[in-house]
């Protein structure tokens, strides 16, 4: 039932976006200020990426791109802020993947639907790594698993909040390794890192660029949590080399209302692609261990379906719910 919901919902949205017709203002886009509604507070990765893209589009189009932070409600506040505005491309949602890949399976009475939106562009993928506090006597994934098995329920892990990739990734780790780790949710990525450095939590999954500055002072990177080694540190193993089949994927995208005209979607994609291909953006991505991704709307939709199947299965099996 849920599988069919995802496929029909996304295809319905894409069918509208792919049309060649539309109001006259679609051909004049952008005709005024563009707003990026971000589903988290200022200062996090999603917010930073929105501002990088927004500044680039401002320079490209000569039109202000304003970033507005609407945190809360597990993305519902930001989603509703976009859906209340005309579907003309001037108000867009910038969010991490879990808004569409995890929330529909996890959040009770979610007040937005996947088919309410059309995927426009994936800004980038991050490079998640499994990290422990330096006081934890483990230097490899296998040692960490053995330690957790020796002390069930005594080690904990932090996350950016329920349903985040850090939360679901560690729950998947627990399930695959037969370990018991206690979840400690924080309100964002920075507090999660601070909690690990203080020793309040034993481990976290976080983007490589957020961990690297603290390798000498308080944390130890055990492995890359994604499906392949990170080109910036090829000597780091993946978690999957010790836990077969394990992989954490997280990406950040831009979405519009489902009735957004195809011409406007195309102009947005062309503009964002131009911005992301600049040397300035490439340098930013390299510095922040982000991988450039260029998918069409239909390819984005398929990715959401596949990620939704993966995380939805985990959420159901682990009984994860957010009221």
C-alpha atoms as a PDB file:
ATOM      1  CA  UNK A   1       0.000   0.000   0.000  1.00  0.00           C
ATOM      2  CA  UNK A   2       2.739   2.450   1.006  1.00  0.00           C
ATOM      3  CA  UNK A   3       4.878   1.436  -1.972  1.00  0.00           C
ATOM      4  CA  UNK A   4       2.035   2.226  -4.342  1.00  0.00           C
ATOM      5  CA  UNK A   5       1.402   5.520  -2.523  1.00  0.00           C
ATOM      6  CA  UNK A   6       4.957   6.656  -3.093  1.00  0.00           C
ATOM      7  CA  UNK A   7       5.077   5.742  -6.762  1.00  0.00           C
ATOM      8  CA  UNK A   8       1.692   7.100  -7.759  1.00  0.00           C
ATOM      9  CA  UNK A   9       2.162  10.251  -5.696  1.00  0.00           C
ATOM     10  CA  UNK A  10       5.498  11.193  -7.177  1.00  0.00           C
ATOM     11  CA  UNK A  11       4.493  10.294 -10.708  1.00  0.00           C
ATOM     12  CA  UNK A  12       1.379  12.430 -10.377  1.00  0.00           C
ATOM     13  CA  UNK A  13       3.482  15.392  -9.297  1.00  0.00           C
ATOM     14  CA  UNK A  14       5.970  14.850 -12.089  1.00  0.00           C
ATOM     15  CA  UNK A  15       3.249  14.561 -14.706  1.00  0.00           C
ATOM     16  CA  UNK A  16       2.096  18.062 -13.837  1.00  0.00           C
ATOM     17  CA  UNK A  17       5.625  19.467 -13.746  1.00  0.00           C
ATOM     18  CA  UNK A  18       6.567  17.906 -17.059  1.00  0.00           C
ATOM     19  CA  UNK A  19       3.792  19.630 -18.983  1.00  0.00           C
ATOM     20  CA  UNK A  20       4.690  22.196 -21.585  1.00  0.00           C
ATOM     21  CA  UNK A  21       1.773  24.486 -20.951  1.00  0.00           C
ATOM     22  CA  UNK A  22       1.320  27.003 -18.158  1.00  0.00           C
ATOM     23  CA  UNK A  23       0.425  30.580 -17.299  1.00  0.00           C
ATOM     24  CA  UNK A  24       2.199  33.422 -19.054  1.00  0.00           C
ATOM     25  CA  UNK A  25       4.117  34.291 -15.892  1.00  0.00           C
ATOM     26  CA  UNK A  26       5.819  30.898 -16.072  1.00  0.00           C
ATOM     27  CA  UNK A  27       7.790  32.145 -19.078  1.00  0.00           C
ATOM     28  CA  UNK A  28       8.836  35.307 -17.202  1.00  0.00           C
ATOM     29  CA  UNK A  29      10.241  33.544 -14.149  1.00  0.00           C
ATOM     30  CA  UNK A  30      11.703  34.928 -11.991  1.00  0.00           C
ATOM     31  CA  UNK A  31       9.616  38.090 -11.939  1.00  0.00           C
ATOM     32  CA  UNK A  32      10.437  39.052  -8.357  1.00  0.00           C
ATOM     33  CA  UNK A  33      12.010  37.866  -5.144  1.00  0.00           C
ATOM     34  CA  UNK A  34      12.486  34.110  -4.724  1.00  0.00           C
ATOM     35  CA  UNK A  35      12.129  32.614  -1.242  1.00  0.00           C
ATOM     36  CA  UNK A  36      13.903  29.473  -0.057  1.00  0.00           C
ATOM     37  CA  UNK A  37      11.974  28.060   2.893  1.00  0.00           C
ATOM     38  CA  UNK A  38      14.391  25.934   4.948  1.00  0.00           C
ATOM     39  CA  UNK A  39      12.992  23.339   7.350  1.00  0.00           C
ATOM     40  CA  UNK A  40      15.698  23.808  10.017  1.00  0.00           C
ATOM     41  CA  UNK A  41      17.184  26.643  12.025  1.00  0.00           C
ATOM     42  CA  UNK A  42      19.937  28.883  10.674  1.00  0.00           C
ATOM     43  CA  UNK A  43      23.496  27.607  10.812  1.00  0.00           C
ATOM     44  CA  UNK A  44      23.033  23.961   9.880  1.00  0.00           C
ATOM     45  CA  UNK A  45      24.096  22.202   6.685  1.00  0.00           C
ATOM     46  CA  UNK A  46      20.713  22.581   4.968  1.00  0.00           C
ATOM     47  CA  UNK A  47      20.608  26.289   5.758  1.00  0.00           C
ATOM     48  CA  UNK A  48      24.190  26.830   4.581  1.00  0.00           C
ATOM     49  CA  UNK A  49      23.544  25.044   1.278  1.00  0.00           C
ATOM     50  CA  UNK A  50      20.385  27.086   0.717  1.00  0.00           C
ATOM     51  CA  UNK A  51      22.372  30.294   1.184  1.00  0.00           C
ATOM     52  CA  UNK A  52      25.160  29.192  -1.153  1.00  0.00           C
ATOM     53  CA  UNK A  53      22.668  28.380  -3.913  1.00  0.00           C
ATOM     54  CA  UNK A  54      20.553  31.446  -3.154  1.00  0.00           C
ATOM     55  CA  UNK A  55      23.495  33.822  -3.403  1.00  0.00           C
ATOM     56  CA  UNK A  56      24.549  32.249  -6.684  1.00  0.00           C
ATOM     57  CA  UNK A  57      21.065  32.552  -8.173  1.00  0.00           C
ATOM     58  CA  UNK A  58      20.871  36.147  -6.977  1.00  0.00           C
ATOM     59  CA  UNK A  59      24.044  36.926  -8.914  1.00  0.00           C
ATOM     60  CA  UNK A  60      22.849  34.944 -11.945  1.00  0.00           C
ATOM     61  CA  UNK A  61      19.307  36.314 -12.169  1.00  0.00           C
ATOM     62  CA  UNK A  62      19.716  39.741 -10.631  1.00  0.00           C
ATOM     63  CA  UNK A  63      16.758  38.950  -8.363  1.00  0.00           C
ATOM     64  CA  UNK A  64      16.979  38.608  -4.571  1.00  0.00           C
ATOM     65  CA  UNK A  65      16.815  35.051  -3.230  1.00  0.00           C
ATOM     66  CA  UNK A  66      15.761  35.223   0.398  1.00  0.00           C
ATOM     67  CA  UNK A  67      16.355  32.337   2.817  1.00  0.00           C
ATOM     68  CA  UNK A  68      13.701  31.888   5.496  1.00  0.00           C
ATOM     69  CA  UNK A  69      14.085  29.354   8.300  1.00  0.00           C
ATOM     70  CA  UNK A  70      10.858  27.633   9.338  1.00  0.00           C
ATOM     71  CA  UNK A  71      11.929  24.891  11.721  1.00  0.00           C
ATOM     72  CA  UNK A  72       9.572  22.626  13.626  1.00  0.00           C
ATOM     73  CA  UNK A  73       6.857  20.079  13.123  1.00  0.00           C
ATOM     74  CA  UNK A  74       9.216  17.591  11.469  1.00  0.00           C
ATOM     75  CA  UNK A  75       9.336  19.744   8.314  1.00  0.00           C
ATOM     76  CA  UNK A  76       5.567  20.344   8.363  1.00  0.00           C
ATOM     77  CA  UNK A  77       5.866  24.067   9.143  1.00  0.00           C
ATOM     78  CA  UNK A  78       8.227  24.676   6.221  1.00  0.00           C
ATOM     79  CA  UNK A  79       6.216  22.452   3.880  1.00  0.00           C
ATOM     80  CA  UNK A  80       2.971  24.246   4.650  1.00  0.00           C
ATOM     81  CA  UNK A  81       4.651  27.638   4.191  1.00  0.00           C
ATOM     82  CA  UNK A  82       5.488  26.627   0.610  1.00  0.00           C
ATOM     83  CA  UNK A  83       2.117  25.066  -0.145  1.00  0.00           C
ATOM     84  CA  UNK A  84       0.239  28.199   0.973  1.00  0.00           C
ATOM     85  CA  UNK A  85       1.902  30.273  -1.763  1.00  0.00           C
ATOM     86  CA  UNK A  86       1.085  30.310  -5.517  1.00  0.00           C
ATOM     87  CA  UNK A  87       2.846  27.524  -7.487  1.00  0.00           C
ATOM     88  CA  UNK A  88       4.918  29.997  -9.496  1.00  0.00           C
ATOM     89  CA  UNK A  89       8.440  29.056  -8.407  1.00  0.00           C
ATOM     90  CA  UNK A  90       8.955  32.071  -6.180  1.00  0.00           C
ATOM     91  CA  UNK A  91       8.549  30.059  -2.957  1.00  0.00           C
ATOM     92  CA  UNK A  92      10.478  26.783  -2.714  1.00  0.00           C
ATOM     93  CA  UNK A  93      11.349  24.218  -0.063  1.00  0.00           C
ATOM     94  CA  UNK A  94      14.968  23.386   0.761  1.00  0.00           C
ATOM     95  CA  UNK A  95      15.316  20.303   2.929  1.00  0.00           C
ATOM     96  CA  UNK A  96      17.192  17.103   3.633  1.00  0.00           C
ATOM     97  CA  UNK A  97      15.876  13.856   2.193  1.00  0.00           C
ATOM     98  CA  UNK A  98      14.172  12.602   5.360  1.00  0.00           C
ATOM     99  CA  UNK A  99      11.327  15.094   4.847  1.00  0.00           C
ATOM    100  CA  UNK A 100      10.097  12.796   2.060  1.00  0.00           C
ATOM    101  CA  UNK A 101      11.895   9.496   2.683  1.00  0.00           C
ATOM    102  CA  UNK A 102      11.320   8.994   6.428  1.00  0.00           C
ATOM    103  CA  UNK A 103       8.643  11.337   7.772  1.00  0.00           C
ATOM    104  CA  UNK A 104       5.707   9.779   5.861  1.00  0.00           C
ATOM    105  CA  UNK A 105       6.480   6.456   7.550  1.00  0.00           C
ATOM    106  CA  UNK A 106       7.299   7.828  10.980  1.00  0.00           C
ATOM    107  CA  UNK A 107       5.279  10.938  11.800  1.00  0.00           C
ATOM    108  CA  UNK A 108       1.686  10.526  12.895  1.00  0.00           C
ATOM    109  CA  UNK A 109      -0.841  12.878  11.220  1.00  0.00           C
ATOM    110  CA  UNK A 110       1.747  14.454   8.910  1.00  0.00           C
ATOM    111  CA  UNK A 111       0.057  17.441   7.288  1.00  0.00           C
ATOM    112  CA  UNK A 112       1.808  17.317   3.925  1.00  0.00           C
ATOM    113  CA  UNK A 113       2.046  14.574   1.290  1.00  0.00           C
ATOM    114  CA  UNK A 114       4.790  13.576  -1.072  1.00  0.00           C
ATOM    115  CA  UNK A 115       2.512  14.217  -4.043  1.00  0.00           C
ATOM    116  CA  UNK A 116       2.082  17.843  -2.918  1.00  0.00           C
ATOM    117  CA  UNK A 117       5.604  18.555  -4.187  1.00  0.00           C
ATOM    118  CA  UNK A 118       7.686  18.153  -7.324  1.00  0.00           C
ATOM    119  CA  UNK A 119      11.425  17.383  -7.003  1.00  0.00           C
ATOM    120  CA  UNK A 120      13.520  20.091  -8.661  1.00  0.00           C
ATOM    121  CA  UNK A 121      17.175  19.507  -7.830  1.00  0.00           C
ATOM    122  CA  UNK A 122      19.489  17.645  -5.463  1.00  0.00           C
ATOM    123  CA  UNK A 123      22.046  20.155  -4.275  1.00  0.00           C
ATOM    124  CA  UNK A 124      24.467  17.500  -3.040  1.00  0.00           C
ATOM    125  CA  UNK A 125      25.032  14.351  -1.034  1.00  0.00           C
ATOM    126  CA  UNK A 126      27.004  14.475   2.187  1.00  0.00           C
ATOM    127  CA  UNK A 127      29.709  12.074   3.360  1.00  0.00           C
ATOM    128  CA  UNK A 128      28.489  10.558   6.649  1.00  0.00           C
ATOM    129  CA  UNK A 129      31.031   8.949   8.970  1.00  0.00           C
ATOM    130  CA  UNK A 130      30.732   6.891  12.155  1.00  0.00           C
ATOM    131  CA  UNK A 131      32.536   8.699  14.957  1.00  0.00           C
ATOM    132  CA  UNK A 132      33.249   7.944  18.622  1.00  0.00           C
ATOM    133  CA  UNK A 133      34.481  10.040  21.520  1.00  0.00           C
ATOM    134  CA  UNK A 134      38.221   9.501  22.000  1.00  0.00           C
ATOM    135  CA  UNK A 135      37.597   8.041  25.448  1.00  0.00           C
ATOM    136  CA  UNK A 136      35.809   5.078  23.840  1.00  0.00           C
ATOM    137  CA  UNK A 137      38.316   2.192  23.647  1.00  0.00           C
ATOM    138  CA  UNK A 138      37.629   1.303  20.027  1.00  0.00           C
ATOM    139  CA  UNK A 139      39.661   2.184  16.960  1.00  0.00           C
ATOM    140  CA  UNK A 140      37.750   0.118  14.401  1.00  0.00           C
ATOM    141  CA  UNK A 141      34.128  -0.729  13.665  1.00  0.00           C
ATOM    142  CA  UNK A 142      34.673  -4.318  14.790  1.00  0.00           C
ATOM    143  CA  UNK A 143      36.126  -3.170  18.107  1.00  0.00           C
ATOM    144  CA  UNK A 144      33.187  -0.819  18.623  1.00  0.00           C
ATOM    145  CA  UNK A 145      30.713  -3.624  17.918  1.00  0.00           C
ATOM    146  CA  UNK A 146      32.497  -5.925  20.361  1.00  0.00           C
ATOM    147  CA  UNK A 147      32.530  -3.217  23.040  1.00  0.00           C
ATOM    148  CA  UNK A 148      28.804  -2.576  22.566  1.00  0.00           C
ATOM    149  CA  UNK A 149      28.080  -6.294  22.825  1.00  0.00           C
ATOM    150  CA  UNK A 150      30.090  -6.541  26.041  1.00  0.00           C
ATOM    151  CA  UNK A 151      28.185  -3.611  27.567  1.00  0.00           C
ATOM    152  CA  UNK A 152      24.613  -3.794  26.211  1.00  0.00           C
ATOM    153  CA  UNK A 153      22.584  -0.666  26.874  1.00  0.00           C
ATOM    154  CA  UNK A 154      25.464   1.271  28.469  1.00  0.00           C
ATOM    155  CA  UNK A 155      26.778   3.016  25.346  1.00  0.00           C
ATOM    156  CA  UNK A 156      24.703   5.741  23.693  1.00  0.00           C
ATOM    157  CA  UNK A 157      24.643   7.694  20.471  1.00  0.00           C
ATOM    158  CA  UNK A 158      23.533  11.182  19.495  1.00  0.00           C
ATOM    159  CA  UNK A 159      21.557  12.400  16.506  1.00  0.00           C
ATOM    160  CA  UNK A 160      20.269  15.651  15.003  1.00  0.00           C
ATOM    161  CA  UNK A 161      16.786  14.548  16.027  1.00  0.00           C
ATOM    162  CA  UNK A 162      14.255  11.754  15.489  1.00  0.00           C
ATOM    163  CA  UNK A 163      14.114  10.592  11.878  1.00  0.00           C
ATOM    164  CA  UNK A 164      17.414  12.200  10.889  1.00  0.00           C
ATOM    165  CA  UNK A 165      19.949  10.135   8.964  1.00  0.00           C
ATOM    166  CA  UNK A 166      22.077   9.963  12.126  1.00  0.00           C
ATOM    167  CA  UNK A 167      19.161   8.451  14.061  1.00  0.00           C
ATOM    168  CA  UNK A 168      17.995   5.988  11.426  1.00  0.00           C
ATOM    169  CA  UNK A 169      21.548   5.086  10.449  1.00  0.00           C
ATOM    170  CA  UNK A 170      22.428   4.080  13.995  1.00  0.00           C
ATOM    171  CA  UNK A 171      19.186   2.150  14.408  1.00  0.00           C
ATOM    172  CA  UNK A 172      20.102   0.231  11.261  1.00  0.00           C
ATOM    173  CA  UNK A 173      23.582  -0.331  12.707  1.00  0.00           C
ATOM    174  CA  UNK A 174      22.051  -1.748  15.897  1.00  0.00           C
ATOM    175  CA  UNK A 175      19.751  -4.041  13.962  1.00  0.00           C
ATOM    176  CA  UNK A 176      22.521  -5.414  11.743  1.00  0.00           C
ATOM    177  CA  UNK A 177      25.060  -5.889  14.550  1.00  0.00           C
ATOM    178  CA  UNK A 178      22.788  -7.065  17.368  1.00  0.00           C
ATOM    179  CA  UNK A 179      23.946  -4.270  19.670  1.00  0.00           C
ATOM    180  CA  UNK A 180      22.047  -2.127  22.164  1.00  0.00           C
ATOM    181  CA  UNK A 181      22.816   1.590  21.993  1.00  0.00           C
ATOM    182  CA  UNK A 182      20.679   4.279  23.638  1.00  0.00           C
ATOM    183  CA  UNK A 183      19.440   7.146  21.447  1.00  0.00           C
ATOM    184  CA  UNK A 184      20.025  10.725  22.670  1.00  0.00           C
ATOM    185  CA  UNK A 185      18.381  13.201  20.257  1.00  0.00           C
ATOM    186  CA  UNK A 186      19.658  16.772  19.927  1.00  0.00           C
ATOM    187  CA  UNK A 187      18.180  19.801  18.209  1.00  0.00           C
ATOM    188  CA  UNK A 188      20.485  19.917  15.215  1.00  0.00           C
ATOM    189  CA  UNK A 189      23.884  18.853  13.982  1.00  0.00           C
ATOM    190  CA  UNK A 190      26.034  21.309  15.953  1.00  0.00           C
ATOM    191  CA  UNK A 191      24.567  20.326  19.374  1.00  0.00           C
ATOM    192  CA  UNK A 192      25.068  16.673  18.427  1.00  0.00           C
ATOM    193  CA  UNK A 193      28.789  17.268  17.787  1.00  0.00           C
ATOM    194  CA  UNK A 194      29.106  19.268  21.015  1.00  0.00           C
ATOM    195  CA  UNK A 195      27.464  16.424  22.934  1.00  0.00           C
ATOM    196  CA  UNK A 196      30.023  13.954  21.597  1.00  0.00           C
ATOM    197  CA  UNK A 197      32.958  16.252  22.387  1.00  0.00           C
ATOM    198  CA  UNK A 198      31.701  16.671  25.977  1.00  0.00           C
ATOM    199  CA  UNK A 199      31.417  12.922  26.304  1.00  0.00           C
ATOM    200  CA  UNK A 200      27.663  13.039  26.845  1.00  0.00           C
ATOM    201  CA  UNK A 201      27.298  10.474  24.045  1.00  0.00           C
ATOM    202  CA  UNK A 202      29.698   7.772  22.913  1.00  0.00           C
ATOM    203  CA  UNK A 203      29.109   7.894  19.159  1.00  0.00           C
ATOM    204  CA  UNK A 204      27.416   9.755  16.337  1.00  0.00           C
ATOM    205  CA  UNK A 205      27.039   9.664  12.581  1.00  0.00           C
ATOM    206  CA  UNK A 206      27.927  13.056  11.125  1.00  0.00           C
ATOM    207  CA  UNK A 207      29.231  14.597   7.915  1.00  0.00           C
ATOM    208  CA  UNK A 208      32.985  14.168   7.492  1.00  0.00           C
ATOM    209  CA  UNK A 209      33.657  17.920   7.359  1.00  0.00           C
ATOM    210  CA  UNK A 210      32.011  18.330  10.781  1.00  0.00           C
ATOM    211  CA  UNK A 211      34.202  15.623  12.319  1.00  0.00           C
ATOM    212  CA  UNK A 212      37.597  16.275  10.741  1.00  0.00           C
ATOM    213  CA  UNK A 213      38.432  19.462  12.740  1.00  0.00           C
ATOM    214  CA  UNK A 214      38.067  17.540  16.013  1.00  0.00           C
ATOM    215  CA  UNK A 215      40.076  14.417  15.207  1.00  0.00           C
ATOM    216  CA  UNK A 216      42.972  15.587  17.348  1.00  0.00           C
ATOM    217  CA  UNK A 217      40.948  17.090  20.167  1.00  0.00           C
ATOM    218  CA  UNK A 218      38.068  14.831  21.005  1.00  0.00           C
ATOM    219  CA  UNK A 219      36.725  12.414  18.425  1.00  0.00           C
ATOM    220  CA  UNK A 220      37.856   9.442  16.400  1.00  0.00           C
ATOM    221  CA  UNK A 221      36.509   8.647  12.933  1.00  0.00           C
ATOM    222  CA  UNK A 222      36.021   4.888  12.666  1.00  0.00           C
ATOM    223  CA  UNK A 223      34.651   4.554   9.147  1.00  0.00           C
ATOM    224  CA  UNK A 224      32.654   6.054   6.309  1.00  0.00           C
ATOM    225  CA  UNK A 225      28.954   5.238   6.732  1.00  0.00           C
ATOM    226  CA  UNK A 226      28.121   5.482   3.022  1.00  0.00           C
ATOM    227  CA  UNK A 227      28.412   2.767   0.390  1.00  0.00           C
ATOM    228  CA  UNK A 228      31.915   3.704  -0.785  1.00  0.00           C
ATOM    229  CA  UNK A 229      35.140   5.101   0.587  1.00  0.00           C
ATOM    230  CA  UNK A 230      35.534   8.877   0.623  1.00  0.00           C
ATOM    231  CA  UNK A 231      37.964  10.113  -2.041  1.00  0.00           C
ATOM    232  CA  UNK A 232      39.289  12.764   0.348  1.00  0.00           C
ATOM    233  CA  UNK A 233      40.404  10.080   2.820  1.00  0.00           C
ATOM    234  CA  UNK A 234      40.726   6.829   0.882  1.00  0.00           C
ATOM    235  CA  UNK A 235      42.428   5.076   3.791  1.00  0.00           C
ATOM    236  CA  UNK A 236      39.218   5.215   5.847  1.00  0.00           C
ATOM    237  CA  UNK A 237      37.247   1.964   5.528  1.00  0.00           C
ATOM    238  CA  UNK A 238      33.488   1.851   5.167  1.00  0.00           C
ATOM    239  CA  UNK A 239      31.229   0.480   7.870  1.00  0.00           C
ATOM    240  CA  UNK A 240      30.006  -2.012   5.260  1.00  0.00           C
ATOM    241  CA  UNK A 241      33.453  -3.612   5.159  1.00  0.00           C
ATOM    242  CA  UNK A 242      32.696  -4.869   8.673  1.00  0.00           C
ATOM    243  CA  UNK A 243      28.872  -4.869   8.487  1.00  0.00           C
ATOM    244  CA  UNK A 244      27.853  -6.183   5.034  1.00  0.00           C
ATOM    245  CA  UNK A 245      24.970  -4.358   3.399  1.00  0.00           C
ATOM    246  CA  UNK A 246      25.161  -1.315   5.685  1.00  0.00           C
ATOM    247  CA  UNK A 247      24.902   2.114   4.061  1.00  0.00           C
ATOM    248  CA  UNK A 248      23.694   5.552   5.127  1.00  0.00           C
ATOM    249  CA  UNK A 249      22.747   8.041   2.448  1.00  0.00           C
ATOM    250  CA  UNK A 250      21.788  11.638   3.028  1.00  0.00           C
ATOM    251  CA  UNK A 251      21.188  14.361   0.491  1.00  0.00           C
ATOM    252  CA  UNK A 252      19.729  17.862   0.310  1.00  0.00           C
ATOM    253  CA  UNK A 253      17.246  19.011  -2.285  1.00  0.00           C
ATOM    254  CA  UNK A 254      15.011  21.783  -3.578  1.00  0.00           C
ATOM    255  CA  UNK A 255      11.302  21.147  -4.089  1.00  0.00           C
ATOM    256  CA  UNK A 256       8.356  23.128  -5.404  1.00  0.00           C
ATOM    257  CA  UNK A 257       4.573  22.752  -5.311  1.00  0.00           C
ATOM    258  CA  UNK A 258       3.268  19.932  -7.501  1.00  0.00           C
ATOM    259  CA  UNK A 259       1.485  22.332  -9.882  1.00  0.00           C
ATOM    260  CA  UNK A 260       4.660  24.197 -10.741  1.00  0.00           C
ATOM    261  CA  UNK A 261       4.751  24.657 -14.562  1.00  0.00           C
ATOM    262  CA  UNK A 262       7.316  22.627 -16.462  1.00  0.00           C
ATOM    263  CA  UNK A 263       8.933  25.754 -17.906  1.00  0.00           C
ATOM    264  CA  UNK A 264       9.572  27.090 -14.413  1.00  0.00           C
ATOM    265  CA  UNK A 265      11.003  23.776 -13.224  1.00  0.00           C
ATOM    266  CA  UNK A 266      13.384  23.813 -16.187  1.00  0.00           C
ATOM    267  CA  UNK A 267      14.513  27.401 -15.522  1.00  0.00           C
ATOM    268  CA  UNK A 268      15.155  26.555 -11.887  1.00  0.00           C
ATOM    269  CA  UNK A 269      17.144  23.463 -12.816  1.00  0.00           C
ATOM    270  CA  UNK A 270      19.196  25.375 -15.384  1.00  0.00           C
ATOM    271  CA  UNK A 271      19.920  28.165 -12.913  1.00  0.00           C
ATOM    272  CA  UNK A 272      20.860  25.861 -10.033  1.00  0.00           C
ATOM    273  CA  UNK A 273      23.062  23.754 -12.308  1.00  0.00           C
ATOM    274  CA  UNK A 274      24.906  26.873 -13.470  1.00  0.00           C
ATOM    275  CA  UNK A 275      25.483  27.960  -9.869  1.00  0.00           C
ATOM    276  CA  UNK A 276      26.711  24.544  -8.742  1.00  0.00           C
ATOM    277  CA  UNK A 277      29.139  24.317 -11.663  1.00  0.00           C
ATOM    278  CA  UNK A 278      30.994  27.498 -10.679  1.00  0.00           C
ATOM    279  CA  UNK A 279      34.510  27.187  -9.200  1.00  0.00           C
ATOM    280  CA  UNK A 280      33.246  28.857  -6.028  1.00  0.00           C
ATOM    281  CA  UNK A 281      30.582  26.203  -5.484  1.00  0.00           C
ATOM    282  CA  UNK A 282      32.939  23.353  -6.357  1.00  0.00           C
ATOM    283  CA  UNK A 283      35.444  24.625  -3.820  1.00  0.00           C
ATOM    284  CA  UNK A 284      32.727  24.887  -1.182  1.00  0.00           C
ATOM    285  CA  UNK A 285      31.583  21.317  -1.844  1.00  0.00           C
ATOM    286  CA  UNK A 286      35.131  19.958  -1.662  1.00  0.00           C
ATOM    287  CA  UNK A 287      35.800  21.811   1.588  1.00  0.00           C
ATOM    288  CA  UNK A 288      32.597  20.469   3.122  1.00  0.00           C
ATOM    289  CA  UNK A 289      32.911  16.867   1.841  1.00  0.00           C
ATOM    290  CA  UNK A 290      29.774  17.161  -0.290  1.00  0.00           C
ATOM    291  CA  UNK A 291      29.302  15.231  -3.516  1.00  0.00           C
ATOM    292  CA  UNK A 292      27.815  17.050  -6.509  1.00  0.00           C
ATOM    293  CA  UNK A 293      24.778  15.252  -7.903  1.00  0.00           C
ATOM    294  CA  UNK A 294      22.848  16.035 -11.068  1.00  0.00           C
ATOM    295  CA  UNK A 295      19.559  14.145 -11.392  1.00  0.00           C
ATOM    296  CA  UNK A 296      16.422  14.923 -13.374  1.00  0.00           C
ATOM    297  CA  UNK A 297      13.093  15.311 -11.575  1.00  0.00           C
ATOM    298  CA  UNK A 298      12.109  11.772 -12.544  1.00  0.00           C
ATOM    299  CA  UNK A 299      15.448  10.416 -11.300  1.00  0.00           C
ATOM    300  CA  UNK A 300      14.969  12.294  -8.034  1.00  0.00           C
ATOM    301  CA  UNK A 301      11.520  10.770  -7.723  1.00  0.00           C
ATOM    302  CA  UNK A 302      12.924   7.274  -8.185  1.00  0.00           C
ATOM    303  CA  UNK A 303      15.598   7.972  -5.575  1.00  0.00           C
ATOM    304  CA  UNK A 304      12.952   9.091  -3.092  1.00  0.00           C
ATOM    305  CA  UNK A 305      10.980   5.916  -3.739  1.00  0.00           C
ATOM    306  CA  UNK A 306      14.026   3.699  -3.187  1.00  0.00           C
ATOM    307  CA  UNK A 307      15.209   5.572  -0.085  1.00  0.00           C
ATOM    308  CA  UNK A 308      11.648   5.545   1.236  1.00  0.00           C
ATOM    309  CA  UNK A 309      11.468   1.767   0.850  1.00  0.00           C
ATOM    310  CA  UNK A 310      14.770   1.394   2.720  1.00  0.00           C
ATOM    311  CA  UNK A 311      14.014   3.737   5.620  1.00  0.00           C
ATOM    312  CA  UNK A 312      10.329   2.842   5.737  1.00  0.00           C
ATOM    313  CA  UNK A 313      11.196  -0.808   6.249  1.00  0.00           C
ATOM    314  CA  UNK A 314      13.601   0.058   9.050  1.00  0.00           C
ATOM    315  CA  UNK A 315      11.114   2.427  10.708  1.00  0.00           C
ATOM    316  CA  UNK A 316       8.395  -0.209  10.697  1.00  0.00           C
ATOM    317  CA  UNK A 317      10.655  -2.996  11.978  1.00  0.00           C
ATOM    318  CA  UNK A 318      12.107  -0.817  14.736  1.00  0.00           C
ATOM    319  CA  UNK A 319       8.719   0.670  15.666  1.00  0.00           C
ATOM    320  CA  UNK A 320       9.978   4.258  15.386  1.00  0.00           C
ATOM    321  CA  UNK A 321       7.199   6.816  15.806  1.00  0.00           C
ATOM    322  CA  UNK A 322       7.113  10.585  16.257  1.00  0.00           C
ATOM    323  CA  UNK A 323       3.915  12.122  17.580  1.00  0.00           C
END
